[in-house]
PDB file of N, CA and C in Angstrom:
ATOM      1  N   MET A   1      26.560 -47.866 -24.870  1.00  0.00           N
ATOM      2  CA  MET A   1      25.933 -47.853 -23.577  1.00  0.00           C
ATOM      3  C   MET A   1      26.054 -46.459 -22.981  1.00  0.00           C
ATOM      4  N   PRO A   2      24.920 -45.835 -22.558  1.00  0.00           N
ATOM      5  CA  PRO A   2      24.993 -44.481 -22.003  1.00  0.00           C
ATOM      6  C   PRO A   2      25.634 -44.490 -20.623  1.00  0.00           C
ATOM      7  N   ASN A   3      26.259 -43.348 -20.302  1.00  0.00           N
ATOM      8  CA  ASN A   3      26.887 -43.266 -18.978  1.00  0.00           C
ATOM      9  C   ASN A   3      25.825 -43.047 -17.903  1.00  0.00           C
ATOM     10  N   GLY A   4      26.185 -43.064 -16.650  1.00  0.00           N
ATOM     11  CA  GLY A   4      25.247 -42.981 -15.536  1.00  0.00           C
ATOM     12  C   GLY A   4      24.752 -41.575 -15.239  1.00  0.00           C
ATOM     13  N   ASN A   5      25.142 -40.553 -16.014  1.00  0.00           N
ATOM     14  CA  ASN A   5      24.751 -39.175 -15.750  1.00  0.00           C
ATOM     15  C   ASN A   5      23.467 -38.759 -16.465  1.00  0.00           C
ATOM     16  N   VAL A   6      22.852 -39.669 -17.165  1.00  0.00           N
ATOM     17  CA  VAL A   6      21.660 -39.334 -17.929  1.00  0.00           C
ATOM     18  C   VAL A   6      20.450 -39.373 -16.995  1.00  0.00           C
ATOM     19  N   ILE A   7      19.676 -38.310 -16.999  1.00  0.00           N
ATOM     20  CA  ILE A   7      18.447 -38.268 -16.216  1.00  0.00           C
ATOM     21  C   ILE A   7      17.326 -38.676 -17.140  1.00  0.00           C
ATOM     22  N   ARG A   8      16.608 -39.700 -16.773  1.00  0.00           N
ATOM     23  CA  ARG A   8      15.532 -40.190 -17.611  1.00  0.00           C
ATOM     24  C   ARG A   8      14.201 -39.642 -17.113  1.00  0.00           C
ATOM     25  N   GLY A   9      13.264 -39.505 -18.000  1.00  0.00           N
ATOM     26  CA  GLY A   9      11.941 -39.036 -17.631  1.00  0.00           C
ATOM     27  C   GLY A   9      11.671 -37.668 -18.235  1.00  0.00           C
ATOM     28  N   ALA A  10      10.578 -37.083 -17.825  1.00  0.00           N
ATOM     29  CA  ALA A  10      10.155 -35.797 -18.388  1.00  0.00           C
ATOM     30  C   ALA A  10      10.803 -34.656 -17.608  1.00  0.00           C
ATOM     31  N   ARG A  11      11.049 -33.593 -18.284  1.00  0.00           N
ATOM     32  CA  ARG A  11      11.599 -32.417 -17.603  1.00  0.00           C
ATOM     33  C   ARG A  11      10.459 -31.610 -16.974  1.00  0.00           C
ATOM     34  N   VAL A  12      10.791 -30.715 -16.108  1.00  0.00           N
ATOM     35  CA  VAL A  12       9.793 -29.910 -15.422  1.00  0.00           C
ATOM     36  C   VAL A  12       9.105 -29.011 -16.442  1.00  0.00           C
ATOM     37  N   GLY A  13       7.797 -28.998 -16.418  1.00  0.00           N
ATOM     38  CA  GLY A  13       7.043 -28.144 -17.324  1.00  0.00           C
ATOM     39  C   GLY A  13       6.725 -28.759 -18.664  1.00  0.00           C
ATOM     40  N   SER A  14       7.134 -30.001 -18.887  1.00  0.00           N
ATOM     41  CA  SER A  14       6.897 -30.594 -20.204  1.00  0.00           C
ATOM     42  C   SER A  14       5.486 -31.154 -20.343  1.00  0.00           C
ATOM     43  N   ALA A  15       4.818 -31.402 -19.227  1.00  0.00           N
ATOM     44  CA  ALA A  15       3.466 -31.946 -19.298  1.00  0.00           C
ATOM     45  C   ALA A  15       2.482 -30.830 -19.641  1.00  0.00           C
ATOM     46  N   PRO A  16       1.416 -31.147 -20.342  1.00  0.00           N
ATOM     47  CA  PRO A  16       0.438 -30.102 -20.656  1.00  0.00           C
ATOM     48  C   PRO A  16      -0.251 -29.611 -19.380  1.00  0.00           C
ATOM     49  N   ILE A  17      -0.564 -28.357 -19.367  1.00  0.00           N
ATOM     50  CA  ILE A  17      -1.223 -27.769 -18.209  1.00  0.00           C
ATOM     51  C   ILE A  17      -2.702 -28.091 -18.283  1.00  0.00           C
ATOM     52  N   ARG A  18      -3.221 -28.640 -17.223  1.00  0.00           N
ATOM     53  CA  ARG A  18      -4.635 -28.972 -17.146  1.00  0.00           C
ATOM     54  C   ARG A  18      -5.219 -28.315 -15.904  1.00  0.00           C
ATOM     55  N   PRO A  19      -5.495 -27.015 -15.963  1.00  0.00           N
ATOM     56  CA  PRO A  19      -5.972 -26.343 -14.757  1.00  0.00           C
ATOM     57  C   PRO A  19      -7.333 -26.834 -14.289  1.00  0.00           C
ATOM     58  N   ASP A  20      -8.148 -27.370 -15.198  1.00  0.00           N
ATOM     59  CA  ASP A  20      -9.467 -27.848 -14.800  1.00  0.00           C
ATOM     60  C   ASP A  20      -9.364 -29.035 -13.850  1.00  0.00           C
ATOM     61  N   GLU A  21      -8.303 -29.819 -13.978  1.00  0.00           N
ATOM     62  CA  GLU A  21      -8.146 -30.987 -13.134  1.00  0.00           C
ATOM     63  C   GLU A  21      -7.545 -30.636 -11.775  1.00  0.00           C
ATOM     64  N   ARG A  22      -6.821 -29.520 -11.685  1.00  0.00           N
ATOM     65  CA  ARG A  22      -6.093 -29.219 -10.464  1.00  0.00           C
ATOM     66  C   ARG A  22      -6.807 -28.248  -9.544  1.00  0.00           C
ATOM     67  N   HIS A  23      -7.450 -27.255 -10.083  1.00  0.00           N
ATOM     68  CA  HIS A  23      -8.105 -26.253  -9.231  1.00  0.00           C
ATOM     69  C   HIS A  23      -9.205 -25.555 -10.017  1.00  0.00           C
ATOM     70  N   HIS A  24     -10.047 -24.886  -9.285  1.00  0.00           N
ATOM     71  CA  HIS A  24     -11.094 -24.082  -9.894  1.00  0.00           C
ATOM     72  C   HIS A  24     -10.869 -22.645  -9.460  1.00  0.00           C
ATOM     73  N   PRO A  25     -10.716 -21.712 -10.400  1.00  0.00           N
ATOM     74  CA  PRO A  25     -10.487 -20.324 -10.009  1.00  0.00           C
ATOM     75  C   PRO A  25     -11.698 -19.757  -9.281  1.00  0.00           C
ATOM     76  N   ALA A  26     -11.421 -18.869  -8.335  1.00  0.00           N
ATOM     77  CA  ALA A  26     -12.494 -18.220  -7.586  1.00  0.00           C
ATOM     78  C   ALA A  26     -13.283 -17.318  -8.531  1.00  0.00           C
ATOM     79  N   PRO A  27     -14.576 -17.166  -8.282  1.00  0.00           N
ATOM     80  CA  PRO A  27     -15.356 -16.265  -9.144  1.00  0.00           C
ATOM     81  C   PRO A  27     -14.867 -14.825  -8.990  1.00  0.00           C
ATOM     82  N   ARG A  28     -14.715 -14.164 -10.121  1.00  0.00           N
ATOM     83  CA  ARG A  28     -14.195 -12.800 -10.133  1.00  0.00           C
ATOM     84  C   ARG A  28     -15.113 -11.903 -10.922  1.00  0.00           C
ATOM     85  N   ARG A  29     -14.910 -10.599 -10.712  1.00  0.00           N
ATOM     86  CA  ARG A  29     -15.665  -9.615 -11.498  1.00  0.00           C
ATOM     87  C   ARG A  29     -14.728  -8.470 -11.852  1.00  0.00           C
ATOM     88  N   ASP A  30     -15.052  -7.799 -12.947  1.00  0.00           N
ATOM     89  CA  ASP A  30     -14.263  -6.661 -13.393  1.00  0.00           C
ATOM     90  C   ASP A  30     -14.820  -5.382 -12.789  1.00  0.00           C
ATOM     91  N   VAL A  31     -13.919  -4.508 -12.335  1.00  0.00           N
ATOM     92  CA  VAL A  31     -14.299  -3.195 -11.822  1.00  0.00           C
ATOM     93  C   VAL A  31     -13.489  -2.169 -12.601  1.00  0.00           C
ATOM     94  N   THR A  32     -14.159  -1.130 -13.084  1.00  0.00           N
ATOM     95  CA  THR A  32     -13.505  -0.109 -13.893  1.00  0.00           C
ATOM     96  C   THR A  32     -13.413   1.191 -13.109  1.00  0.00           C
ATOM     97  N   TYR A  33     -12.251   1.831 -13.188  1.00  0.00           N
ATOM     98  CA  TYR A  33     -11.999   3.109 -12.522  1.00  0.00           C
ATOM     99  C   TYR A  33     -11.551   4.129 -13.562  1.00  0.00           C
ATOM    100  N   TRP A  34     -11.918   5.410 -13.356  1.00  0.00           N
ATOM    101  CA  TRP A  34     -11.501   6.505 -14.221  1.00  0.00           C
ATOM    102  C   TRP A  34     -10.878   7.599 -13.373  1.00  0.00           C
ATOM    103  N   CYS A  35      -9.811   8.211 -13.901  1.00  0.00           N
ATOM    104  CA  CYS A  35      -9.176   9.340 -13.214  1.00  0.00           C
ATOM    105  C   CYS A  35      -9.529  10.632 -13.949  1.00  0.00           C
ATOM    106  N   ARG A  36      -9.066  11.759 -13.414  1.00  0.00           N
ATOM    107  CA  ARG A  36      -9.350  13.070 -14.013  1.00  0.00           C
ATOM    108  C   ARG A  36      -8.779  13.223 -15.428  1.00  0.00           C
ATOM    109  N   ASN A  37      -7.741  12.456 -15.738  1.00  0.00           N
ATOM    110  CA  ASN A  37      -7.119  12.541 -17.064  1.00  0.00           C
ATOM    111  C   ASN A  37      -7.746  11.580 -18.060  1.00  0.00           C
ATOM    112  N   ASP A  38      -8.935  11.081 -17.766  1.00  0.00           N
ATOM    113  CA  ASP A  38      -9.679  10.152 -18.627  1.00  0.00           C
ATOM    114  C   ASP A  38      -8.941   8.843 -18.881  1.00  0.00           C
ATOM    115  N   HIS A  39      -8.127   8.426 -17.940  1.00  0.00           N
ATOM    116  CA  HIS A  39      -7.482   7.118 -18.042  1.00  0.00           C
ATOM    117  C   HIS A  39      -8.431   6.082 -17.459  1.00  0.00           C
ATOM    118  N   ARG A  40      -8.572   4.978 -18.161  1.00  0.00           N
ATOM    119  CA  ARG A  40      -9.442   3.893 -17.715  1.00  0.00           C
ATOM    120  C   ARG A  40      -8.563   2.773 -17.169  1.00  0.00           C
ATOM    121  N   THR A  41      -8.923   2.275 -15.986  1.00  0.00           N
ATOM    122  CA  THR A  41      -8.202   1.182 -15.349  1.00  0.00           C
ATOM    123  C   THR A  41      -9.196   0.082 -15.020  1.00  0.00           C
ATOM    124  N   ASP A  42      -8.959  -1.109 -15.531  1.00  0.00           N
ATOM    125  CA  ASP A  42      -9.804  -2.264 -15.234  1.00  0.00           C
ATOM    126  C   ASP A  42      -9.043  -3.199 -14.314  1.00  0.00           C
ATOM    127  N   ILE A  43      -9.664  -3.563 -13.198  1.00  0.00           N
ATOM    128  CA  ILE A  43      -9.057  -4.529 -12.294  1.00  0.00           C
ATOM    129  C   ILE A  43     -10.050  -5.658 -12.079  1.00  0.00           C
ATOM    130  N   ARG A  44      -9.532  -6.812 -11.703  1.00  0.00           N
ATOM    131  CA  ARG A  44     -10.388  -7.960 -11.385  1.00  0.00           C
ATOM    132  C   ARG A  44     -10.256  -8.218  -9.904  1.00  0.00           C
ATOM    133  N   ILE A  45     -11.408  -8.335  -9.243  1.00  0.00           N
ATOM    134  CA  ILE A  45     -11.427  -8.649  -7.821  1.00  0.00           C
ATOM    135  C   ILE A  45     -12.363  -9.825  -7.591  1.00  0.00           C
ATOM    136  N   ALA A  46     -12.265 -10.409  -6.430  1.00  0.00           N
ATOM    137  CA  ALA A  46     -13.133 -11.534  -6.083  1.00  0.00           C
ATOM    138  C   ALA A  46     -14.579 -11.072  -6.091  1.00  0.00           C
ATOM    139  N   ALA A  47     -15.466 -11.952  -6.502  1.00  0.00           N
ATOM    140  CA  ALA A  47     -16.879 -11.591  -6.639  1.00  0.00           C
ATOM    141  C   ALA A  47     -17.492 -11.190  -5.307  1.00  0.00           C
ATOM    142  N   GLU A  48     -17.060 -11.817  -4.223  1.00  0.00           N
ATOM    143  CA  GLU A  48     -17.660 -11.495  -2.928  1.00  0.00           C
ATOM    144  C   GLU A  48     -16.977 -10.327  -2.219  1.00  0.00           C
ATOM    145  N   ALA A  49     -15.853  -9.854  -2.732  1.00  0.00           N
ATOM    146  CA  ALA A  49     -15.125  -8.743  -2.105  1.00  0.00           C
ATOM    147  C   ALA A  49     -15.738  -7.407  -2.518  1.00  0.00           C
ATOM    148  N   ALA A  50     -15.694  -6.461  -1.590  1.00  0.00           N
ATOM    149  CA  ALA A  50     -16.171  -5.107  -1.893  1.00  0.00           C
ATOM    150  C   ALA A  50     -15.078  -4.353  -2.649  1.00  0.00           C
ATOM    151  N   ALA A  51     -15.472  -3.651  -3.688  1.00  0.00           N
ATOM    152  CA  ALA A  51     -14.502  -2.888  -4.475  1.00  0.00           C
ATOM    153  C   ALA A  51     -14.094  -1.637  -3.698  1.00  0.00           C
ATOM    154  N   PRO A  52     -12.812  -1.293  -3.686  1.00  0.00           N
ATOM    155  CA  PRO A  52     -12.391  -0.080  -2.996  1.00  0.00           C
ATOM    156  C   PRO A  52     -12.959   1.152  -3.690  1.00  0.00           C
ATOM    157  N   PRO A  53     -13.307   2.193  -2.938  1.00  0.00           N
ATOM    158  CA  PRO A  53     -13.898   3.378  -3.562  1.00  0.00           C
ATOM    159  C   PRO A  53     -12.915   4.131  -4.456  1.00  0.00           C
ATOM    160  N   LEU A  54     -11.627   4.099  -4.121  1.00  0.00           N
ATOM    161  CA  LEU A  54     -10.600   4.784  -4.915  1.00  0.00           C
ATOM    162  C   LEU A  54      -9.514   3.797  -5.299  1.00  0.00           C
ATOM    163  N   TRP A  55      -8.898   4.060  -6.446  1.00  0.00           N
ATOM    164  CA  TRP A  55      -7.796   3.240  -6.941  1.00  0.00           C
ATOM    165  C   TRP A  55      -6.799   4.190  -7.574  1.00  0.00           C
ATOM    166  N   ASP A  56      -5.512   4.007  -7.322  1.00  0.00           N
ATOM    167  CA  ASP A  56      -4.499   4.873  -7.934  1.00  0.00           C
ATOM    168  C   ASP A  56      -4.348   4.527  -9.408  1.00  0.00           C
ATOM    169  N   CYS A  57      -4.405   5.553 -10.250  1.00  0.00           N
ATOM    170  CA  CYS A  57      -4.244   5.346 -11.688  1.00  0.00           C
ATOM    171  C   CYS A  57      -2.804   4.916 -11.962  1.00  0.00           C
ATOM    172  N   PRO A  58      -2.590   3.789 -12.658  1.00  0.00           N
ATOM    173  CA  PRO A  58      -1.226   3.353 -12.931  1.00  0.00           C
ATOM    174  C   PRO A  58      -0.499   4.216 -13.962  1.00  0.00           C
ATOM    175  N   ARG A  59      -1.222   5.035 -14.715  1.00  0.00           N
ATOM    176  CA  ARG A  59      -0.585   5.863 -15.745  1.00  0.00           C
ATOM    177  C   ARG A  59      -0.129   7.216 -15.212  1.00  0.00           C
ATOM    178  N   CYS A  60      -0.992   7.868 -14.383  1.00  0.00           N
ATOM    179  CA  CYS A  60      -0.638   9.217 -13.933  1.00  0.00           C
ATOM    180  C   CYS A  60      -0.535   9.354 -12.419  1.00  0.00           C
ATOM    181  N   GLY A  61      -1.004   8.351 -11.658  1.00  0.00           N
ATOM    182  CA  GLY A  61      -0.892   8.388 -10.217  1.00  0.00           C
ATOM    183  C   GLY A  61      -2.021   9.111  -9.497  1.00  0.00           C
ATOM    184  N   LEU A  62      -2.943   9.718 -10.232  1.00  0.00           N
ATOM    185  CA  LEU A  62      -4.070  10.399  -9.601  1.00  0.00           C
ATOM    186  C   LEU A  62      -5.071   9.379  -9.073  1.00  0.00           C
ATOM    187  N   PRO A  63      -5.865   9.742  -8.082  1.00  0.00           N
ATOM    188  CA  PRO A  63      -6.888   8.804  -7.630  1.00  0.00           C
ATOM    189  C   PRO A  63      -7.954   8.621  -8.703  1.00  0.00           C
ATOM    190  N   ALA A  64      -8.456   7.413  -8.805  1.00  0.00           N
ATOM    191  CA  ALA A  64      -9.489   7.087  -9.789  1.00  0.00           C
ATOM    192  C   ALA A  64     -10.703   6.538  -9.061  1.00  0.00           C
ATOM    193  N   GLY A  65     -11.884   6.850  -9.578  1.00  0.00           N
ATOM    194  CA  GLY A  65     -13.139   6.386  -8.998  1.00  0.00           C
ATOM    195  C   GLY A  65     -13.953   5.615 -10.018  1.00  0.00           C
ATOM    196  N   GLN A  66     -15.052   5.030  -9.567  1.00  0.00           N
ATOM    197  CA  GLN A  66     -15.873   4.205 -10.443  1.00  0.00           C
ATOM    198  C   GLN A  66     -16.871   5.003 -11.268  1.00  0.00           C
ATOM    199  N   ASP A  67     -17.071   6.277 -10.962  1.00  0.00           N
ATOM    200  CA  ASP A  67     -18.004   7.119 -11.703  1.00  0.00           C
ATOM    201  C   ASP A  67     -17.258   7.811 -12.844  1.00  0.00           C
ATOM    202  N   GLU A  68     -17.544   7.404 -14.061  1.00  0.00           N
ATOM    203  CA  GLU A  68     -16.820   7.966 -15.220  1.00  0.00           C
ATOM    204  C   GLU A  68     -17.122   9.447 -15.400  1.00  0.00           C
ATOM    205  N   GLN A  69     -18.337   9.877 -15.128  1.00  0.00           N
ATOM    206  CA  GLN A  69     -18.725  11.276 -15.345  1.00  0.00           C
ATOM    207  C   GLN A  69     -18.189  12.202 -14.253  1.00  0.00           C
ATOM    208  N   ASN A  70     -17.874  11.663 -13.079  1.00  0.00           N
ATOM    209  CA  ASN A  70     -17.425  12.490 -11.966  1.00  0.00           C
ATOM    210  C   ASN A  70     -16.254  11.812 -11.254  1.00  0.00           C
ATOM    211  N   PRO A  71     -15.065  11.785 -11.866  1.00  0.00           N
ATOM    212  CA  PRO A  71     -13.922  11.140 -11.212  1.00  0.00           C
ATOM    213  C   PRO A  71     -13.451  11.993 -10.023  1.00  0.00           C
ATOM    214  N   PRO A  72     -12.796  11.380  -9.059  1.00  0.00           N
ATOM    215  CA  PRO A  72     -12.340  12.137  -7.886  1.00  0.00           C
ATOM    216  C   PRO A  72     -11.258  13.139  -8.259  1.00  0.00           C
ATOM    217  N   GLY A  73     -11.174  14.185  -7.468  1.00  0.00           N
ATOM    218  CA  GLY A  73     -10.165  15.218  -7.701  1.00  0.00           C
ATOM    219  C   GLY A  73      -8.824  14.824  -7.128  1.00  0.00           C
ATOM    220  N   ARG A  74      -7.901  15.716  -7.295  1.00  0.00           N
ATOM    221  CA  ARG A  74      -6.550  15.487  -6.803  1.00  0.00           C
ATOM    222  C   ARG A  74      -6.568  15.477  -5.277  1.00  0.00           C
ATOM    223  N   VAL A  75      -5.873  14.507  -4.699  1.00  0.00           N
ATOM    224  CA  VAL A  75      -5.786  14.416  -3.258  1.00  0.00           C
ATOM    225  C   VAL A  75      -4.800  15.469  -2.765  1.00  0.00           C
ATOM    226  N   ARG A  76      -5.241  16.228  -1.776  1.00  0.00           N
ATOM    227  CA  ARG A  76      -4.394  17.286  -1.245  1.00  0.00           C
ATOM    228  C   ARG A  76      -3.393  16.693  -0.272  1.00  0.00           C
ATOM    229  N   ALA A  77      -2.138  16.886  -0.543  1.00  0.00           N
ATOM    230  CA  ALA A  77      -1.092  16.345   0.317  1.00  0.00           C
ATOM    231  C   ALA A  77      -0.920  17.242   1.539  1.00  0.00           C
ATOM    232  N   GLU A  78      -0.711  16.607   2.681  1.00  0.00           N
ATOM    233  CA  GLU A  78      -0.466  17.378   3.890  1.00  0.00           C
ATOM    234  C   GLU A  78       0.932  17.981   3.816  1.00  0.00           C
ATOM    235  N   PRO A  79       1.088  19.208   4.307  1.00  0.00           N
ATOM    236  CA  PRO A  79       2.427  19.796   4.302  1.00  0.00           C
ATOM    237  C   PRO A  79       3.340  19.052   5.272  1.00  0.00           C
ATOM    238  N   TYR A  80       4.612  19.163   5.027  1.00  0.00           N
ATOM    239  CA  TYR A  80       5.598  18.505   5.876  1.00  0.00           C
ATOM    240  C   TYR A  80       5.515  19.062   7.283  1.00  0.00           C
ATOM    241  N   LYS A  81       5.501  18.171   8.261  1.00  0.00           N
ATOM    242  CA  LYS A  81       5.511  18.588   9.657  1.00  0.00           C
ATOM    243  C   LYS A  81       6.800  18.115  10.304  1.00  0.00           C
ATOM    244  N   SER A  82       7.385  18.983  11.082  1.00  0.00           N
ATOM    245  CA  SER A  82       8.587  18.608  11.807  1.00  0.00           C
ATOM    246  C   SER A  82       8.205  17.834  13.060  1.00  0.00           C
ATOM    247  N   HIS A  83       9.208  17.289  13.716  1.00  0.00           N
ATOM    248  CA  HIS A  83       8.970  16.576  14.967  1.00  0.00           C
ATOM    249  C   HIS A  83       8.367  17.524  16.000  1.00  0.00           C
ATOM    250  N   LEU A  84       8.857  18.752  16.022  1.00  0.00           N
ATOM    251  CA  LEU A  84       8.340  19.735  16.973  1.00  0.00           C
ATOM    252  C   LEU A  84       6.855  20.029  16.737  1.00  0.00           C
ATOM    253  N   ALA A  85       6.420  20.072  15.488  1.00  0.00           N
ATOM    254  CA  ALA A  85       5.011  20.326  15.189  1.00  0.00           C
ATOM    255  C   ALA A  85       4.130  19.201  15.722  1.00  0.00           C
ATOM    256  N   TYR A  86       4.600  17.948  15.587  1.00  0.00           N
ATOM    257  CA  TYR A  86       3.831  16.832  16.123  1.00  0.00           C
ATOM    258  C   TYR A  86       3.794  16.866  17.647  1.00  0.00           C
ATOM    259  N   VAL A  87       4.898  17.243  18.273  1.00  0.00           N
ATOM    260  CA  VAL A  87       4.926  17.347  19.732  1.00  0.00           C
ATOM    261  C   VAL A  87       3.963  18.434  20.196  1.00  0.00           C
ATOM    262  N   LYS A  88       3.938  19.547  19.498  1.00  0.00           N
ATOM    263  CA  LYS A  88       3.038  20.643  19.884  1.00  0.00           C
ATOM    264  C   LYS A  88       1.576  20.260  19.733  1.00  0.00           C
ATOM    265  N   GLU A  89       1.259  19.319  18.841  1.00  0.00           N
ATOM    266  CA  GLU A  89      -0.109  18.834  18.719  1.00  0.00           C
ATOM    267  C   GLU A  89      -0.517  18.008  19.928  1.00  0.00           C
ATOM    268  N   ARG A  90       0.468  17.282  20.504  1.00  0.00           N
ATOM    269  CA  ARG A  90       0.160  16.387  21.612  1.00  0.00           C
ATOM    270  C   ARG A  90       0.249  17.060  22.980  1.00  0.00           C
ATOM    271  N   ARG A  91       1.053  18.098  23.115  1.00  0.00           N
ATOM    272  CA  ARG A  91       1.300  18.702  24.423  1.00  0.00           C
ATOM    273  C   ARG A  91       0.970  20.190  24.399  1.00  0.00           C
ATOM    274  N   THR A  92       0.550  20.672  25.563  1.00  0.00           N
ATOM    275  CA  THR A  92       0.341  22.119  25.713  1.00  0.00           C
ATOM    276  C   THR A  92       1.680  22.762  26.042  1.00  0.00           C
ATOM    277  N   ALA A  93       1.735  24.079  26.011  1.00  0.00           N
ATOM    278  CA  ALA A  93       2.975  24.794  26.320  1.00  0.00           C
ATOM    279  C   ALA A  93       3.394  24.540  27.773  1.00  0.00           C
ATOM    280  N   GLU A  94       2.422  24.466  28.688  1.00  0.00           N
ATOM    281  CA  GLU A  94       2.741  24.230  30.097  1.00  0.00           C
ATOM    282  C   GLU A  94       3.342  22.837  30.296  1.00  0.00           C
ATOM    283  N   GLU A  95       2.783  21.831  29.607  1.00  0.00           N
ATOM    284  CA  GLU A  95       3.335  20.485  29.705  1.00  0.00           C
ATOM    285  C   GLU A  95       4.748  20.443  29.141  1.00  0.00           C
ATOM    286  N   GLY A  96       4.981  21.166  28.067  1.00  0.00           N
ATOM    287  CA  GLY A  96       6.313  21.223  27.480  1.00  0.00           C
ATOM    288  C   GLY A  96       7.324  21.864  28.422  1.00  0.00           C
ATOM    289  N   GLU A  97       6.923  22.937  29.084  1.00  0.00           N
ATOM    290  CA  GLU A  97       7.815  23.596  30.053  1.00  0.00           C
ATOM    291  C   GLU A  97       8.134  22.653  31.204  1.00  0.00           C
ATOM    292  N   ALA A  98       7.146  21.922  31.697  1.00  0.00           N
ATOM    293  CA  ALA A  98       7.366  20.988  32.801  1.00  0.00           C
ATOM    294  C   ALA A  98       8.320  19.869  32.383  1.00  0.00           C
ATOM    295  N   LEU A  99       8.154  19.318  31.193  1.00  0.00           N
ATOM    296  CA  LEU A  99       9.056  18.272  30.701  1.00  0.00           C
ATOM    297  C   LEU A  99      10.469  18.793  30.526  1.00  0.00           C
ATOM    298  N   LEU A 100      10.598  20.005  30.013  1.00  0.00           N
ATOM    299  CA  LEU A 100      11.922  20.599  29.828  1.00  0.00           C
ATOM    300  C   LEU A 100      12.600  20.812  31.176  1.00  0.00           C
ATOM    301  N   ALA A 101      11.870  21.323  32.164  1.00  0.00           N
ATOM    302  CA  ALA A 101      12.449  21.537  33.496  1.00  0.00           C
ATOM    303  C   ALA A 101      12.881  20.214  34.116  1.00  0.00           C
ATOM    304  N   GLU A 102      12.079  19.177  33.924  1.00  0.00           N
ATOM    305  CA  GLU A 102      12.423  17.855  34.453  1.00  0.00           C
ATOM    306  C   GLU A 102      13.682  17.311  33.791  1.00  0.00           C
ATOM    307  N   ALA A 103      13.792  17.451  32.478  1.00  0.00           N
ATOM    308  CA  ALA A 103      14.965  16.963  31.757  1.00  0.00           C
ATOM    309  C   ALA A 103      16.214  17.742  32.156  1.00  0.00           C
ATOM    310  N   LEU A 104      16.100  19.064  32.318  1.00  0.00           N
ATOM    311  CA  LEU A 104      17.251  19.868  32.732  1.00  0.00           C
ATOM    312  C   LEU A 104      17.691  19.512  34.147  1.00  0.00           C
ATOM    313  N   ALA A 105      16.735  19.252  35.037  1.00  0.00           N
ATOM    314  CA  ALA A 105      17.078  18.864  36.407  1.00  0.00           C
ATOM    315  C   ALA A 105      17.816  17.524  36.409  1.00  0.00           C
ATOM    316  N   ALA A 106      17.385  16.564  35.603  1.00  0.00           N
ATOM    317  CA  ALA A 106      18.057  15.269  35.521  1.00  0.00           C
ATOM    318  C   ALA A 106      19.462  15.432  34.957  1.00  0.00           C
ATOM    319  N   LEU A 107      19.625  16.295  33.973  1.00  0.00           N
ATOM    320  CA  LEU A 107      20.942  16.538  33.387  1.00  0.00           C
ATOM    321  C   LEU A 107      21.877  17.165  34.413  1.00  0.00           C
ATOM    322  N   ARG A 108      21.371  18.115  35.165  1.00  0.00           N
ATOM    323  CA  ARG A 108      22.206  18.783  36.182  1.00  0.00           C
ATOM    324  C   ARG A 108      22.601  17.792  37.292  1.00  0.00           C
ATOM    325  N   ARG A 109      21.700  16.889  37.669  1.00  0.00           N
ATOM    326  CA  ARG A 109      22.032  15.869  38.671  1.00  0.00           C
ATOM    327  C   ARG A 109      23.133  14.975  38.184  1.00  0.00           C
ATOM    328  N   ARG A 110      23.092  14.569  36.916  1.00  0.00           N
ATOM    329  CA  ARG A 110      24.136  13.702  36.355  1.00  0.00           C
ATOM    330  C   ARG A 110      25.484  14.405  36.305  1.00  0.00           C
ATOM    331  N   ARG A 111      25.467  15.704  36.050  1.00  0.00           N
ATOM    332  CA  ARG A 111      26.712  16.479  35.980  1.00  0.00           C
ATOM    333  C   ARG A 111      27.251  16.820  37.375  1.00  0.00           C
ATOM    334  N   GLY A 112      26.402  16.684  38.364  1.00  0.00           N
ATOM    335  CA  GLY A 112      26.836  16.991  39.730  1.00  0.00           C
ATOM    336  C   GLY A 112      26.708  18.455  40.072  1.00  0.00           C
ATOM    337  N   GLU A 113      25.855  19.161  39.404  1.00  0.00           N
ATOM    338  CA  GLU A 113      25.686  20.602  39.683  1.00  0.00           C
ATOM    339  C   GLU A 113      24.678  20.839  40.765  1.00  0.00           C
TER     340      GLU A 113
END
């Protein structure tokens, strides 16, 4: 007589997979991209979705386009900008002087000067 620890029935995953009975895959289409290094990348997207104009090549990281004869060039990276460079883009020198004077006045008030 078996002990009470036996689990009867089928284990998970033992039944045959019948995807036709459970769901219908969405219609898809293949889109091919080429990079400057002649790497070909095939992706599948939904049939009704618009394909992106650029795709990063998984082999070399360069941008890839759909035109095999004229792939996109290397994307130019922006140089590193410091916090001060971003502030100078948003504010004029006069605005910066006014903010600095305001901050110094608040600091002096807190110190009791």
